[in-house]
Amino acid sequence: MGSYSATIVWGDGHVTAGPVTANGPGAFRVTGSNTYSSGGTYSVKVFIRDTGGSMATAFSTVQVTAPALQPVPATLDATEGSAFMGMVGSFIDLNRTHPATDYRATITWGDGHVSAGTVFMDPLQADGFRVLGGNLYAEAGTYSVSVSVQSISGAQAAINTSANVADAALTATAASANPTEGAAFTGVVATFTDANPSAKAGRLLGHDQVGRRTGLRGNYRP
């Protein structure tokens, strides 16, 4: 209406004019448009003036809901005793305004270890982000991995995946044996090392820590 003007303060730093339209005899309404970059609660103020100098202020609160994060699992391949470092999952945020620093990620590795993940933009996925993390598995096997992601807007995602941890390689060397005819022989017939530095002798027969030469002994009667 020509006799009135309105200014809307949206609570996120944006201020716009609000068109005034009739809403019945002696009644009017103010409309406006704004795009919030982050979810949360905002206080909105509407200042209304007429040409005669009268003023009024309307106060309200808006709750902006952040769009849900879309999880994308990734399978992990690691080797026992060797440090794993790589992508543990990714997610998509339809709100394109958030930088990677607006997210926090926590990785539960399935072996009792929990660590923070690093979030960075996915160069191959629009609106996508990747989560990078590192862990050292002591034993081979399949582990359930969970990645919890939260944005500063309150949006959350749980990325559930798995880690396939392979057995570390063994390296064997034959040992020289010089038995005597007619006499029982007892001695070392081979040595080997395990690439897993956390391997223990009791885990497998003859298994010992890496760097130590483990002898396999045998009894032989020619």
N, C-alpha and C. Protein backbone atom coordinates (compact mmCIF):
# COMPACT_ATOMS: atom_id res chain seq x y z
N MET A 1 0.86 -1.19 0.00
CA MET A 1 0.00 0.00 0.00
C MET A 1 0.90 1.24 0.00
N GLY A 2 0.45 2.31 -0.65
CA GLY A 2 1.28 3.48 -0.75
C GLY A 2 1.49 4.21 0.56
N SER A 3 0.59 4.06 1.55
CA SER A 3 0.69 4.81 2.80
C SER A 3 1.59 4.14 3.82
N TYR A 4 2.04 2.92 3.57
CA TYR A 4 2.79 2.17 4.56
C TYR A 4 4.09 1.63 3.96
N SER A 5 5.06 1.45 4.83
CA SER A 5 6.31 0.79 4.45
C SER A 5 6.72 -0.13 5.59
N ALA A 6 7.44 -1.16 5.26
CA ALA A 6 7.86 -2.12 6.27
C ALA A 6 9.30 -2.56 6.00
N THR A 7 10.03 -2.77 7.09
CA THR A 7 11.41 -3.26 7.02
C THR A 7 11.51 -4.52 7.88
N ILE A 8 12.08 -5.58 7.29
CA ILE A 8 12.19 -6.86 7.99
C ILE A 8 13.66 -7.12 8.34
N VAL A 9 13.91 -7.34 9.62
CA VAL A 9 15.24 -7.73 10.10
C VAL A 9 15.16 -9.22 10.41
N TRP A 10 15.84 -10.05 9.59
CA TRP A 10 15.64 -11.49 9.63
C TRP A 10 16.38 -12.23 10.74
N GLY A 11 17.29 -11.57 11.39
CA GLY A 11 18.00 -12.21 12.51
C GLY A 11 19.29 -12.91 12.13
N ASP A 12 19.60 -12.95 10.82
CA ASP A 12 20.84 -13.58 10.37
C ASP A 12 21.76 -12.58 9.68
N GLY A 13 21.48 -11.30 9.90
CA GLY A 13 22.27 -10.25 9.26
C GLY A 13 21.62 -9.67 8.02
N HIS A 14 20.56 -10.30 7.53
CA HIS A 14 19.86 -9.81 6.35
C HIS A 14 18.74 -8.85 6.75
N VAL A 15 18.61 -7.78 5.98
CA VAL A 15 17.53 -6.81 6.19
C VAL A 15 16.92 -6.52 4.81
N THR A 16 15.60 -6.65 4.71
CA THR A 16 14.93 -6.40 3.44
C THR A 16 13.68 -5.57 3.67
N ALA A 17 13.19 -4.99 2.57
CA ALA A 17 11.90 -4.30 2.61
C ALA A 17 10.79 -5.34 2.51
N GLY A 18 9.66 -5.09 3.18
CA GLY A 18 8.53 -6.00 3.14
C GLY A 18 7.34 -5.35 2.47
N PRO A 19 6.89 -5.88 1.34
CA PRO A 19 5.70 -5.32 0.69
C PRO A 19 4.48 -5.39 1.61
N VAL A 20 3.67 -4.35 1.61
CA VAL A 20 2.45 -4.28 2.42
C VAL A 20 1.25 -4.40 1.50
N THR A 21 0.34 -5.33 1.83
CA THR A 21 -0.87 -5.52 1.03
C THR A 21 -2.08 -5.54 1.95
N ALA A 22 -3.25 -5.26 1.35
CA ALA A 22 -4.50 -5.24 2.13
C ALA A 22 -4.87 -6.65 2.54
N ASN A 23 -5.48 -6.75 3.73
CA ASN A 23 -5.90 -8.04 4.25
C ASN A 23 -7.28 -7.92 4.88
N GLY A 24 -8.17 -7.16 4.24
CA GLY A 24 -9.49 -6.92 4.79
C GLY A 24 -9.65 -5.46 5.15
N PRO A 25 -10.85 -5.04 5.55
CA PRO A 25 -11.10 -3.63 5.91
C PRO A 25 -10.19 -3.16 7.05
N GLY A 26 -9.35 -2.19 6.79
CA GLY A 26 -8.47 -1.64 7.81
C GLY A 26 -7.36 -2.57 8.24
N ALA A 27 -7.18 -3.71 7.56
CA ALA A 27 -6.16 -4.68 7.94
C ALA A 27 -5.15 -4.84 6.80
N PHE A 28 -3.90 -5.11 7.18
CA PHE A 28 -2.83 -5.22 6.20
C PHE A 28 -1.87 -6.36 6.61
N ARG A 29 -1.11 -6.78 5.64
CA ARG A 29 -0.11 -7.82 5.94
C ARG A 29 1.21 -7.47 5.27
N VAL A 30 2.28 -7.95 5.90
CA VAL A 30 3.63 -7.72 5.39
C VAL A 30 4.20 -9.06 4.96
N THR A 31 4.69 -9.15 3.76
CA THR A 31 5.33 -10.38 3.28
C THR A 31 6.82 -10.11 3.05
N GLY A 32 7.58 -11.16 3.03
CA GLY A 32 9.01 -11.01 2.81
C GLY A 32 9.64 -12.33 2.39
N SER A 33 10.89 -12.26 1.96
CA SER A 33 11.60 -13.44 1.48
C SER A 33 13.05 -13.39 1.96
N ASN A 34 13.54 -14.53 2.44
CA ASN A 34 14.93 -14.60 2.91
C ASN A 34 15.43 -16.03 2.77
N THR A 35 16.72 -16.19 2.58
CA THR A 35 17.35 -17.51 2.54
C THR A 35 18.34 -17.62 3.68
N TYR A 36 18.07 -18.51 4.62
CA TYR A 36 18.97 -18.74 5.74
C TYR A 36 20.06 -19.73 5.34
N SER A 37 21.29 -19.39 5.65
CA SER A 37 22.41 -20.26 5.25
C SER A 37 22.64 -21.39 6.23
N SER A 38 22.13 -21.27 7.47
CA SER A 38 22.34 -22.31 8.48
C SER A 38 21.06 -22.52 9.28
N GLY A 39 20.88 -23.75 9.74
CA GLY A 39 19.75 -24.03 10.60
C GLY A 39 19.92 -23.39 11.97
N GLY A 40 18.82 -23.27 12.70
CA GLY A 40 18.87 -22.68 14.03
C GLY A 40 17.64 -21.85 14.32
N THR A 41 17.65 -21.16 15.43
CA THR A 41 16.53 -20.31 15.85
C THR A 41 16.92 -18.85 15.65
N TYR A 42 16.06 -18.09 15.00
CA TYR A 42 16.36 -16.69 14.68
C TYR A 42 15.20 -15.80 15.16
N SER A 43 15.56 -14.63 15.67
CA SER A 43 14.56 -13.63 16.08
C SER A 43 14.33 -12.66 14.91
N VAL A 44 13.07 -12.53 14.50
CA VAL A 44 12.70 -11.68 13.37
C VAL A 44 11.95 -10.45 13.89
N LYS A 45 12.32 -9.28 13.37
CA LYS A 45 11.65 -8.03 13.72
C LYS A 45 11.12 -7.37 12.46
N VAL A 46 9.88 -6.88 12.53
CA VAL A 46 9.27 -6.18 11.40
C VAL A 46 8.89 -4.78 11.86
N PHE A 47 9.50 -3.75 11.25
CA PHE A 47 9.23 -2.36 11.58
C PHE A 47 8.28 -1.78 10.52
N ILE A 48 7.13 -1.26 10.99
CA ILE A 48 6.09 -0.76 10.09
C ILE A 48 5.89 0.73 10.33
N ARG A 49 5.79 1.48 9.25
CA ARG A 49 5.60 2.94 9.36
C ARG A 49 4.52 3.36 8.36
N ASP A 50 3.78 4.39 8.73
CA ASP A 50 2.87 5.01 7.74
C ASP A 50 3.32 6.44 7.47
N THR A 51 2.76 7.03 6.45
CA THR A 51 3.22 8.35 6.04
C THR A 51 2.92 9.43 7.07
N GLY A 52 1.99 9.15 7.98
CA GLY A 52 1.66 10.13 9.01
C GLY A 52 2.62 10.11 10.18
N GLY A 53 3.54 9.15 10.22
CA GLY A 53 4.53 9.10 11.28
C GLY A 53 4.31 8.01 12.31
N SER A 54 3.15 7.33 12.27
CA SER A 54 2.91 6.24 13.22
C SER A 54 3.83 5.06 12.91
N MET A 55 4.22 4.32 13.99
CA MET A 55 5.12 3.19 13.84
C MET A 55 4.63 2.02 14.69
N ALA A 56 4.94 0.84 14.25
CA ALA A 56 4.65 -0.38 15.02
C ALA A 56 5.75 -1.40 14.73
N THR A 57 5.98 -2.28 15.72
CA THR A 57 7.01 -3.32 15.56
C THR A 57 6.42 -4.67 15.92
N ALA A 58 6.64 -5.65 15.07
CA ALA A 58 6.20 -7.02 15.33
C ALA A 58 7.42 -7.91 15.53
N PHE A 59 7.35 -8.76 16.58
CA PHE A 59 8.45 -9.65 16.90
C PHE A 59 8.00 -11.10 16.71
N SER A 60 8.88 -11.90 16.16
CA SER A 60 8.57 -13.33 16.00
C SER A 60 9.86 -14.13 16.02
N THR A 61 9.71 -15.44 16.10
CA THR A 61 10.86 -16.36 16.10
C THR A 61 10.64 -17.40 15.02
N VAL A 62 11.68 -17.67 14.25
CA VAL A 62 11.59 -18.72 13.23
C VAL A 62 12.61 -19.81 13.55
N GLN A 63 12.20 -21.04 13.32
CA GLN A 63 13.08 -22.19 13.50
C GLN A 63 13.43 -22.72 12.11
N VAL A 64 14.70 -22.60 11.76
CA VAL A 64 15.17 -23.04 10.45
C VAL A 64 15.74 -24.45 10.58
N THR A 65 15.17 -25.37 9.84
CA THR A 65 15.61 -26.77 9.89
C THR A 65 16.69 -27.02 8.85
N ALA A 66 17.80 -27.59 9.29
CA ALA A 66 18.89 -27.93 8.37
C ALA A 66 18.52 -29.19 7.58
N PRO A 67 18.80 -29.24 6.30
CA PRO A 67 18.51 -30.46 5.53
C PRO A 67 19.34 -31.62 6.03
N ALA A 68 18.77 -32.81 5.98
CA ALA A 68 19.47 -33.99 6.48
C ALA A 68 20.71 -34.28 5.63
N LEU A 69 21.76 -34.72 6.29
CA LEU A 69 22.96 -35.15 5.59
C LEU A 69 22.73 -36.56 5.04
N GLN A 70 23.18 -36.81 3.84
CA GLN A 70 22.99 -38.11 3.20
C GLN A 70 24.30 -38.91 3.27
N PRO A 71 24.32 -40.01 4.04
CA PRO A 71 25.57 -40.78 4.20
C PRO A 71 25.87 -41.64 2.98
N VAL A 72 27.15 -41.81 2.69
CA VAL A 72 27.61 -42.67 1.60
C VAL A 72 28.73 -43.55 2.16
N PRO A 73 28.47 -44.87 2.38
CA PRO A 73 29.50 -45.74 2.97
C PRO A 73 30.65 -46.00 2.01
N ALA A 74 31.79 -46.39 2.57
CA ALA A 74 32.95 -46.80 1.78
C ALA A 74 33.60 -47.98 2.50
N THR A 75 33.95 -49.03 1.76
CA THR A 75 34.59 -50.19 2.36
C THR A 75 36.08 -49.94 2.56
N LEU A 76 36.59 -50.32 3.74
CA LEU A 76 37.98 -50.10 4.07
C LEU A 76 38.77 -51.40 3.88
N ASP A 77 39.93 -51.32 3.29
CA ASP A 77 40.84 -52.46 3.16
C ASP A 77 42.14 -52.11 3.85
N ALA A 78 42.51 -52.91 4.85
CA ALA A 78 43.71 -52.65 5.63
C ALA A 78 44.45 -53.96 5.87
N THR A 79 45.64 -53.87 6.46
CA THR A 79 46.45 -55.03 6.81
C THR A 79 46.83 -54.93 8.28
N GLU A 80 46.71 -56.02 9.00
CA GLU A 80 47.03 -56.00 10.42
C GLU A 80 48.47 -55.54 10.63
N GLY A 81 48.67 -54.72 11.66
CA GLY A 81 50.00 -54.25 12.01
C GLY A 81 50.51 -53.11 11.16
N SER A 82 49.78 -52.73 10.10
CA SER A 82 50.18 -51.61 9.25
C SER A 82 49.16 -50.49 9.40
N ALA A 83 49.66 -49.27 9.56
CA ALA A 83 48.76 -48.14 9.75
C ALA A 83 47.90 -47.92 8.52
N PHE A 84 46.59 -47.79 8.74
CA PHE A 84 45.65 -47.46 7.67
C PHE A 84 45.38 -45.97 7.72
N MET A 85 45.41 -45.31 6.56
CA MET A 85 45.02 -43.91 6.45
C MET A 85 44.28 -43.75 5.13
N GLY A 86 43.04 -43.32 5.20
CA GLY A 86 42.27 -43.16 3.98
C GLY A 86 40.85 -42.73 4.25
N MET A 87 40.03 -42.75 3.22
CA MET A 87 38.64 -42.34 3.32
C MET A 87 37.82 -43.43 4.00
N VAL A 88 37.04 -43.05 5.00
CA VAL A 88 36.20 -44.01 5.73
C VAL A 88 34.73 -43.83 5.39
N GLY A 89 34.41 -42.85 4.59
CA GLY A 89 33.02 -42.60 4.20
C GLY A 89 32.88 -41.19 3.65
N SER A 90 31.71 -40.90 3.11
CA SER A 90 31.43 -39.55 2.61
C SER A 90 29.97 -39.23 2.86
N PHE A 91 29.60 -37.98 2.63
CA PHE A 91 28.21 -37.58 2.83
C PHE A 91 27.91 -36.40 1.91
N ILE A 92 26.61 -36.18 1.70
CA ILE A 92 26.14 -35.09 0.84
C ILE A 92 25.29 -34.14 1.69
N ASP A 93 25.56 -32.85 1.56
CA ASP A 93 24.77 -31.82 2.23
C ASP A 93 24.17 -30.93 1.14
N LEU A 94 22.85 -30.93 1.05
CA LEU A 94 22.18 -30.15 0.02
C LEU A 94 22.28 -28.65 0.24
N ASN A 95 22.71 -28.25 1.43
CA ASN A 95 22.97 -26.83 1.69
C ASN A 95 24.38 -26.51 1.20
N ARG A 96 24.47 -25.85 0.09
CA ARG A 96 25.75 -25.62 -0.57
C ARG A 96 26.60 -24.54 0.10
N THR A 97 26.09 -23.91 1.13
CA THR A 97 26.81 -22.77 1.71
C THR A 97 27.84 -23.18 2.76
N HIS A 98 27.85 -24.43 3.21
CA HIS A 98 28.74 -24.83 4.29
C HIS A 98 30.12 -25.22 3.77
N PRO A 99 31.20 -24.67 4.36
CA PRO A 99 32.54 -25.16 4.06
C PRO A 99 32.83 -26.42 4.88
N ALA A 100 33.91 -27.11 4.55
CA ALA A 100 34.24 -28.35 5.25
C ALA A 100 34.50 -28.14 6.74
N THR A 101 34.95 -26.94 7.11
CA THR A 101 35.25 -26.66 8.52
C THR A 101 33.99 -26.59 9.39
N ASP A 102 32.81 -26.60 8.77
CA ASP A 102 31.56 -26.54 9.54
C ASP A 102 31.11 -27.92 10.03
N TYR A 103 31.91 -28.95 9.76
CA TYR A 103 31.51 -30.32 10.14
C TYR A 103 32.54 -30.93 11.10
N ARG A 104 32.02 -31.80 11.96
CA ARG A 104 32.86 -32.58 12.87
C ARG A 104 32.54 -34.05 12.66
N ALA A 105 33.56 -34.89 12.64
CA ALA A 105 33.37 -36.32 12.42
C ALA A 105 34.10 -37.12 13.50
N THR A 106 33.45 -38.16 14.00
CA THR A 106 34.04 -39.07 14.97
C THR A 106 33.95 -40.49 14.42
N ILE A 107 35.08 -41.22 14.44
CA ILE A 107 35.15 -42.56 13.85
C ILE A 107 35.30 -43.59 14.96
N THR A 108 34.39 -44.56 14.98
CA THR A 108 34.49 -45.71 15.88
C THR A 108 34.93 -46.89 15.03
N TRP A 109 36.14 -47.38 15.28
CA TRP A 109 36.80 -48.31 14.36
C TRP A 109 36.39 -49.76 14.53
N GLY A 110 35.71 -50.11 15.61
CA GLY A 110 35.26 -51.48 15.80
C GLY A 110 36.24 -52.35 16.56
N ASP A 111 37.43 -51.82 16.86
CA ASP A 111 38.43 -52.58 17.62
C ASP A 111 38.70 -51.94 18.98
N GLY A 112 37.81 -51.06 19.40
CA GLY A 112 37.99 -50.36 20.66
C GLY A 112 38.59 -48.97 20.51
N HIS A 113 39.05 -48.63 19.32
CA HIS A 113 39.63 -47.32 19.08
C HIS A 113 38.57 -46.34 18.56
N VAL A 114 38.65 -45.11 19.04
CA VAL A 114 37.78 -44.02 18.58
C VAL A 114 38.67 -42.82 18.31
N SER A 115 38.49 -42.16 17.18
CA SER A 115 39.31 -41.00 16.84
C SER A 115 38.49 -40.00 16.03
N ALA A 116 39.01 -38.79 15.95
CA ALA A 116 38.36 -37.75 15.15
C ALA A 116 38.71 -37.95 13.68
N GLY A 117 37.77 -37.62 12.81
CA GLY A 117 38.01 -37.68 11.37
C GLY A 117 38.19 -36.29 10.80
N THR A 118 38.86 -36.21 9.67
CA THR A 118 39.05 -34.95 8.97
C THR A 118 38.08 -34.87 7.80
N VAL A 119 37.33 -33.76 7.72
CA VAL A 119 36.33 -33.58 6.67
C VAL A 119 36.88 -32.62 5.61
N PHE A 120 36.77 -33.01 4.34
CA PHE A 120 37.17 -32.12 3.26
C PHE A 120 36.22 -32.31 2.08
N MET A 121 36.18 -31.34 1.21
CA MET A 121 35.24 -31.38 0.09
C MET A 121 35.59 -32.50 -0.88
N ASP A 122 34.55 -33.14 -1.40
CA ASP A 122 34.73 -34.23 -2.36
C ASP A 122 34.87 -33.61 -3.76
N PRO A 123 36.01 -33.78 -4.41
CA PRO A 123 36.18 -33.17 -5.73
C PRO A 123 35.36 -33.83 -6.82
N LEU A 124 34.80 -35.01 -6.54
CA LEU A 124 34.07 -35.77 -7.56
C LEU A 124 32.56 -35.77 -7.35
N GLN A 125 32.09 -35.17 -6.24
CA GLN A 125 30.67 -35.22 -5.92
C GLN A 125 30.17 -33.82 -5.56
N ALA A 126 29.20 -33.32 -6.33
CA ALA A 126 28.62 -32.02 -6.00
C ALA A 126 27.95 -32.08 -4.64
N ASP A 127 28.20 -31.07 -3.82
CA ASP A 127 27.63 -30.97 -2.46
C ASP A 127 28.15 -32.10 -1.57
N GLY A 128 29.22 -32.76 -1.97
CA GLY A 128 29.73 -33.90 -1.21
C GLY A 128 30.96 -33.56 -0.39
N PHE A 129 31.14 -34.34 0.67
CA PHE A 129 32.29 -34.20 1.55
C PHE A 129 32.82 -35.60 1.88
N ARG A 130 34.12 -35.71 2.06
CA ARG A 130 34.74 -36.97 2.44
C ARG A 130 35.26 -36.90 3.87
N VAL A 131 35.29 -38.05 4.53
CA VAL A 131 35.83 -38.15 5.88
C VAL A 131 37.09 -39.01 5.83
N LEU A 132 38.21 -38.45 6.28
CA LEU A 132 39.49 -39.14 6.28
C LEU A 132 39.86 -39.51 7.71
N GLY A 133 40.41 -40.72 7.90
CA GLY A 133 40.82 -41.14 9.23
C GLY A 133 41.92 -42.17 9.17
N GLY A 134 42.52 -42.43 10.33
CA GLY A 134 43.60 -43.40 10.40
C GLY A 134 43.49 -44.28 11.62
N ASN A 135 43.88 -45.55 11.46
CA ASN A 135 43.84 -46.51 12.57
C ASN A 135 44.84 -47.63 12.29
N LEU A 136 45.27 -48.30 13.35
CA LEU A 136 46.15 -49.46 13.20
C LEU A 136 45.46 -50.65 13.86
N TYR A 137 45.06 -51.62 13.04
CA TYR A 137 44.42 -52.83 13.53
C TYR A 137 45.50 -53.85 13.91
N ALA A 138 45.37 -54.41 15.11
CA ALA A 138 46.37 -55.37 15.59
C ALA A 138 46.13 -56.78 15.05
N GLU A 139 44.88 -57.10 14.72
CA GLU A 139 44.55 -58.45 14.27
C GLU A 139 43.73 -58.41 12.99
N ALA A 140 43.90 -59.43 12.17
CA ALA A 140 43.11 -59.55 10.94
C ALA A 140 41.65 -59.86 11.28
N GLY A 141 40.75 -59.54 10.36
CA GLY A 141 39.34 -59.82 10.56
C GLY A 141 38.48 -58.75 9.91
N THR A 142 37.18 -58.84 10.12
CA THR A 142 36.23 -57.85 9.61
C THR A 142 35.67 -57.07 10.78
N TYR A 143 35.74 -55.75 10.70
CA TYR A 143 35.33 -54.88 11.80
C TYR A 143 34.21 -53.95 11.32
N SER A 144 33.24 -53.72 12.18
CA SER A 144 32.16 -52.76 11.90
C SER A 144 32.65 -51.36 12.26
N VAL A 145 32.59 -50.46 11.30
CA VAL A 145 33.08 -49.10 11.49
C VAL A 145 31.89 -48.14 11.40
N SER A 146 31.83 -47.18 12.34
CA SER A 146 30.76 -46.19 12.35
C SER A 146 31.37 -44.80 12.36
N VAL A 147 30.87 -43.94 11.48
CA VAL A 147 31.34 -42.56 11.39
C VAL A 147 30.16 -41.64 11.71
N SER A 148 30.31 -40.85 12.76
CA SER A 148 29.27 -39.90 13.16
C SER A 148 29.67 -38.51 12.69
N VAL A 149 28.78 -37.86 11.91
CA VAL A 149 29.06 -36.53 11.36
C VAL A 149 28.01 -35.55 11.87
N GLN A 150 28.44 -34.35 12.25
CA GLN A 150 27.51 -33.32 12.70
C GLN A 150 27.96 -31.97 12.14
N SER A 151 26.99 -31.19 11.65
CA SER A 151 27.29 -29.85 11.15
C SER A 151 26.96 -28.83 12.22
N ILE A 152 27.46 -27.61 12.04
CA ILE A 152 27.18 -26.56 13.02
C ILE A 152 25.71 -26.18 13.03
N SER A 153 24.98 -26.57 11.99
CA SER A 153 23.54 -26.31 11.93
C SER A 153 22.73 -27.33 12.72
N GLY A 154 23.41 -28.40 13.18
CA GLY A 154 22.70 -29.43 13.92
C GLY A 154 22.35 -30.65 13.09
N ALA A 155 22.58 -30.60 11.77
CA ALA A 155 22.30 -31.76 10.93
C ALA A 155 23.31 -32.87 11.24
N GLN A 156 22.84 -34.12 11.20
CA GLN A 156 23.69 -35.25 11.56
C GLN A 156 23.57 -36.36 10.52
N ALA A 157 24.59 -37.21 10.52
CA ALA A 157 24.56 -38.40 9.67
C ALA A 157 25.41 -39.48 10.34
N ALA A 158 24.97 -40.73 10.20
CA ALA A 158 25.73 -41.88 10.67
C ALA A 158 26.11 -42.72 9.46
N ILE A 159 27.40 -42.85 9.22
CA ILE A 159 27.90 -43.62 8.09
C ILE A 159 28.38 -44.97 8.63
N ASN A 160 27.66 -46.02 8.31
CA ASN A 160 28.00 -47.36 8.79
C ASN A 160 28.67 -48.15 7.68
N THR A 161 29.86 -48.65 7.95
CA THR A 161 30.63 -49.37 6.95
C THR A 161 31.41 -50.49 7.62
N SER A 162 32.37 -51.08 6.93
CA SER A 162 33.16 -52.16 7.50
C SER A 162 34.60 -52.06 7.04
N ALA A 163 35.48 -52.64 7.83
CA ALA A 163 36.90 -52.68 7.49
C ALA A 163 37.32 -54.13 7.33
N ASN A 164 37.87 -54.46 6.18
CA ASN A 164 38.40 -55.80 5.92
C ASN A 164 39.91 -55.76 6.17
N VAL A 165 40.33 -56.38 7.27
CA VAL A 165 41.73 -56.33 7.67
C VAL A 165 42.39 -57.67 7.32
N ALA A 166 43.35 -57.63 6.43
CA ALA A 166 44.02 -58.84 5.98
C ALA A 166 45.15 -59.23 6.92
N ASP A 167 45.47 -60.52 6.91
CA ASP A 167 46.58 -61.04 7.70
C ASP A 167 47.90 -60.54 7.13
N ALA A 168 48.83 -60.19 7.99
CA ALA A 168 50.14 -59.72 7.53
C ALA A 168 50.93 -60.88 6.92
N ALA A 169 51.81 -60.55 6.00
CA ALA A 169 52.59 -61.57 5.30
C ALA A 169 53.64 -62.20 6.20
N LEU A 170 53.89 -63.50 5.99
CA LEU A 170 54.97 -64.22 6.66
C LEU A 170 56.11 -64.43 5.65
N THR A 171 57.33 -64.34 6.14
CA THR A 171 58.50 -64.59 5.31
C THR A 171 59.30 -65.71 5.94
N ALA A 172 59.45 -66.84 5.24
CA ALA A 172 60.11 -68.04 5.80
C ALA A 172 61.44 -68.28 5.12
N THR A 173 62.39 -68.83 5.90
CA THR A 173 63.72 -69.21 5.41
C THR A 173 64.06 -70.59 5.94
N ALA A 174 64.50 -71.48 5.06
CA ALA A 174 64.88 -72.82 5.49
C ALA A 174 66.19 -72.78 6.27
N ALA A 175 66.30 -73.65 7.26
CA ALA A 175 67.51 -73.76 8.06
C ALA A 175 68.27 -75.03 7.70
N SER A 176 69.57 -74.97 7.81
CA SER A 176 70.39 -76.16 7.51
C SER A 176 70.25 -77.18 8.63
N ALA A 177 70.09 -78.44 8.24
CA ALA A 177 69.99 -79.53 9.23
C ALA A 177 71.02 -80.60 8.88
N ASN A 178 71.71 -81.09 9.91
CA ASN A 178 72.75 -82.11 9.70
C ASN A 178 72.51 -83.28 10.65
N PRO A 179 71.47 -84.08 10.36
CA PRO A 179 71.21 -85.22 11.24
C PRO A 179 72.25 -86.32 11.04
N THR A 180 72.34 -87.18 12.05
CA THR A 180 73.26 -88.33 11.99
C THR A 180 72.46 -89.61 11.82
N GLU A 181 72.90 -90.45 10.95
CA GLU A 181 72.20 -91.70 10.70
C GLU A 181 72.05 -92.50 11.99
N GLY A 182 70.81 -92.96 12.20
CA GLY A 182 70.52 -93.79 13.36
C GLY A 182 70.28 -93.01 14.64
N ALA A 183 70.43 -91.69 14.60
CA ALA A 183 70.24 -90.87 15.81
C ALA A 183 69.07 -89.90 15.59
N ALA A 184 68.25 -89.77 16.62
CA ALA A 184 67.12 -88.84 16.53
C ALA A 184 67.64 -87.41 16.39
N PHE A 185 67.03 -86.68 15.49
CA PHE A 185 67.43 -85.28 15.27
C PHE A 185 66.38 -84.35 15.84
N THR A 186 66.82 -83.41 16.62
CA THR A 186 65.96 -82.32 17.11
C THR A 186 66.67 -81.01 16.85
N GLY A 187 66.04 -80.11 16.14
CA GLY A 187 66.68 -78.84 15.86
C GLY A 187 65.82 -77.94 15.03
N VAL A 188 66.35 -76.81 14.67
CA VAL A 188 65.64 -75.82 13.88
C VAL A 188 65.63 -76.24 12.41
N VAL A 189 64.42 -76.24 11.80
CA VAL A 189 64.30 -76.61 10.40
C VAL A 189 63.92 -75.42 9.52
N ALA A 190 63.46 -74.34 10.13
CA ALA A 190 63.11 -73.14 9.38
C ALA A 190 62.97 -71.96 10.34
N THR A 191 63.11 -70.76 9.80
CA THR A 191 62.83 -69.54 10.55
C THR A 191 61.88 -68.68 9.71
N PHE A 192 61.12 -67.81 10.37
CA PHE A 192 60.26 -66.90 9.62
C PHE A 192 60.00 -65.64 10.43
N THR A 193 59.58 -64.60 9.74
CA THR A 193 59.21 -63.34 10.39
C THR A 193 57.78 -62.99 9.97
N ASP A 194 57.11 -62.25 10.84
CA ASP A 194 55.74 -61.78 10.59
C ASP A 194 55.78 -60.28 10.39
N ALA A 195 55.17 -59.80 9.30
CA ALA A 195 55.15 -58.36 9.02
C ALA A 195 54.31 -57.57 10.00
N ASN A 196 53.53 -58.28 10.84
CA ASN A 196 52.72 -57.60 11.86
C ASN A 196 53.57 -57.37 13.10
N PRO A 197 53.92 -56.12 13.44
CA PRO A 197 54.78 -55.86 14.60
C PRO A 197 54.13 -56.19 15.93
N SER A 198 52.79 -56.35 15.95
CA SER A 198 52.11 -56.66 17.21
C SER A 198 51.80 -58.14 17.35
N ALA A 199 52.28 -58.96 16.42
CA ALA A 199 52.02 -60.40 16.50
C ALA A 199 52.65 -61.00 17.74
N LYS A 200 51.98 -62.00 18.32
CA LYS A 200 52.46 -62.66 19.53
C LYS A 200 52.64 -64.14 19.26
N ALA A 201 53.55 -64.73 20.00
CA ALA A 201 53.91 -66.12 19.75
C ALA A 201 52.73 -67.07 19.94
N GLY A 202 51.81 -66.76 20.84
CA GLY A 202 50.72 -67.66 21.12
C GLY A 202 49.60 -67.63 20.11
N ARG A 203 49.63 -66.62 19.19
CA ARG A 203 48.51 -66.47 18.26
C ARG A 203 48.49 -67.60 17.23
N LEU A 204 49.65 -67.97 16.71
CA LEU A 204 49.77 -69.09 15.81
C LEU A 204 50.99 -69.91 16.22
N LEU A 205 50.99 -71.16 15.92
CA LEU A 205 52.12 -72.01 16.25
C LEU A 205 53.37 -71.46 15.60
N GLY A 206 54.37 -71.17 16.42
CA GLY A 206 55.62 -70.68 15.88
C GLY A 206 55.62 -69.20 15.57
N HIS A 207 54.46 -68.49 15.76
CA HIS A 207 54.37 -67.07 15.47
C HIS A 207 55.13 -66.30 16.53
N ASP A 208 55.87 -65.28 16.12
CA ASP A 208 56.58 -64.45 17.08
C ASP A 208 56.62 -63.03 16.56
N GLN A 209 57.19 -62.13 17.33
CA GLN A 209 57.18 -60.72 16.97
C GLN A 209 58.07 -60.47 15.77
N VAL A 210 57.68 -59.46 14.98
CA VAL A 210 58.46 -59.11 13.81
C VAL A 210 59.86 -58.71 14.23
N GLY A 211 60.84 -59.01 13.39
CA GLY A 211 62.21 -58.67 13.69
C GLY A 211 62.92 -59.77 14.45
N ARG A 212 62.17 -60.72 14.99
CA ARG A 212 62.78 -61.86 15.68
C ARG A 212 62.64 -63.08 14.79
N ARG A 213 63.70 -63.80 14.66
CA ARG A 213 63.68 -64.99 13.83
C ARG A 213 63.15 -66.14 14.66
N THR A 214 62.06 -66.72 14.21
CA THR A 214 61.38 -67.77 14.96
C THR A 214 61.71 -69.12 14.32
N GLY A 215 62.21 -70.02 15.13
CA GLY A 215 62.60 -71.32 14.58
C GLY A 215 61.50 -72.34 14.73
N LEU A 216 61.30 -73.13 13.70
CA LEU A 216 60.40 -74.27 13.77
C LEU A 216 61.27 -75.50 14.00
N ARG A 217 61.04 -76.16 15.10
CA ARG A 217 61.85 -77.30 15.47
C ARG A 217 61.12 -78.59 15.13
N GLY A 218 61.87 -79.60 14.81
CA GLY A 218 61.25 -80.85 14.47
C GLY A 218 62.05 -82.04 14.96
N ASN A 219 61.39 -83.15 15.14
CA ASN A 219 62.05 -84.41 15.51
C ASN A 219 62.05 -85.31 14.30
N TYR A 220 63.21 -85.80 13.95
CA TYR A 220 63.32 -86.62 12.74
C TYR A 220 64.28 -87.77 13.03
N ARG A 221 63.83 -88.96 12.65
CA ARG A 221 64.69 -90.12 12.82
C ARG A 221 64.88 -90.76 11.45
N PRO A 222 66.08 -90.64 10.88
CA PRO A 222 66.30 -91.18 9.53
C PRO A 222 66.26 -92.71 9.51
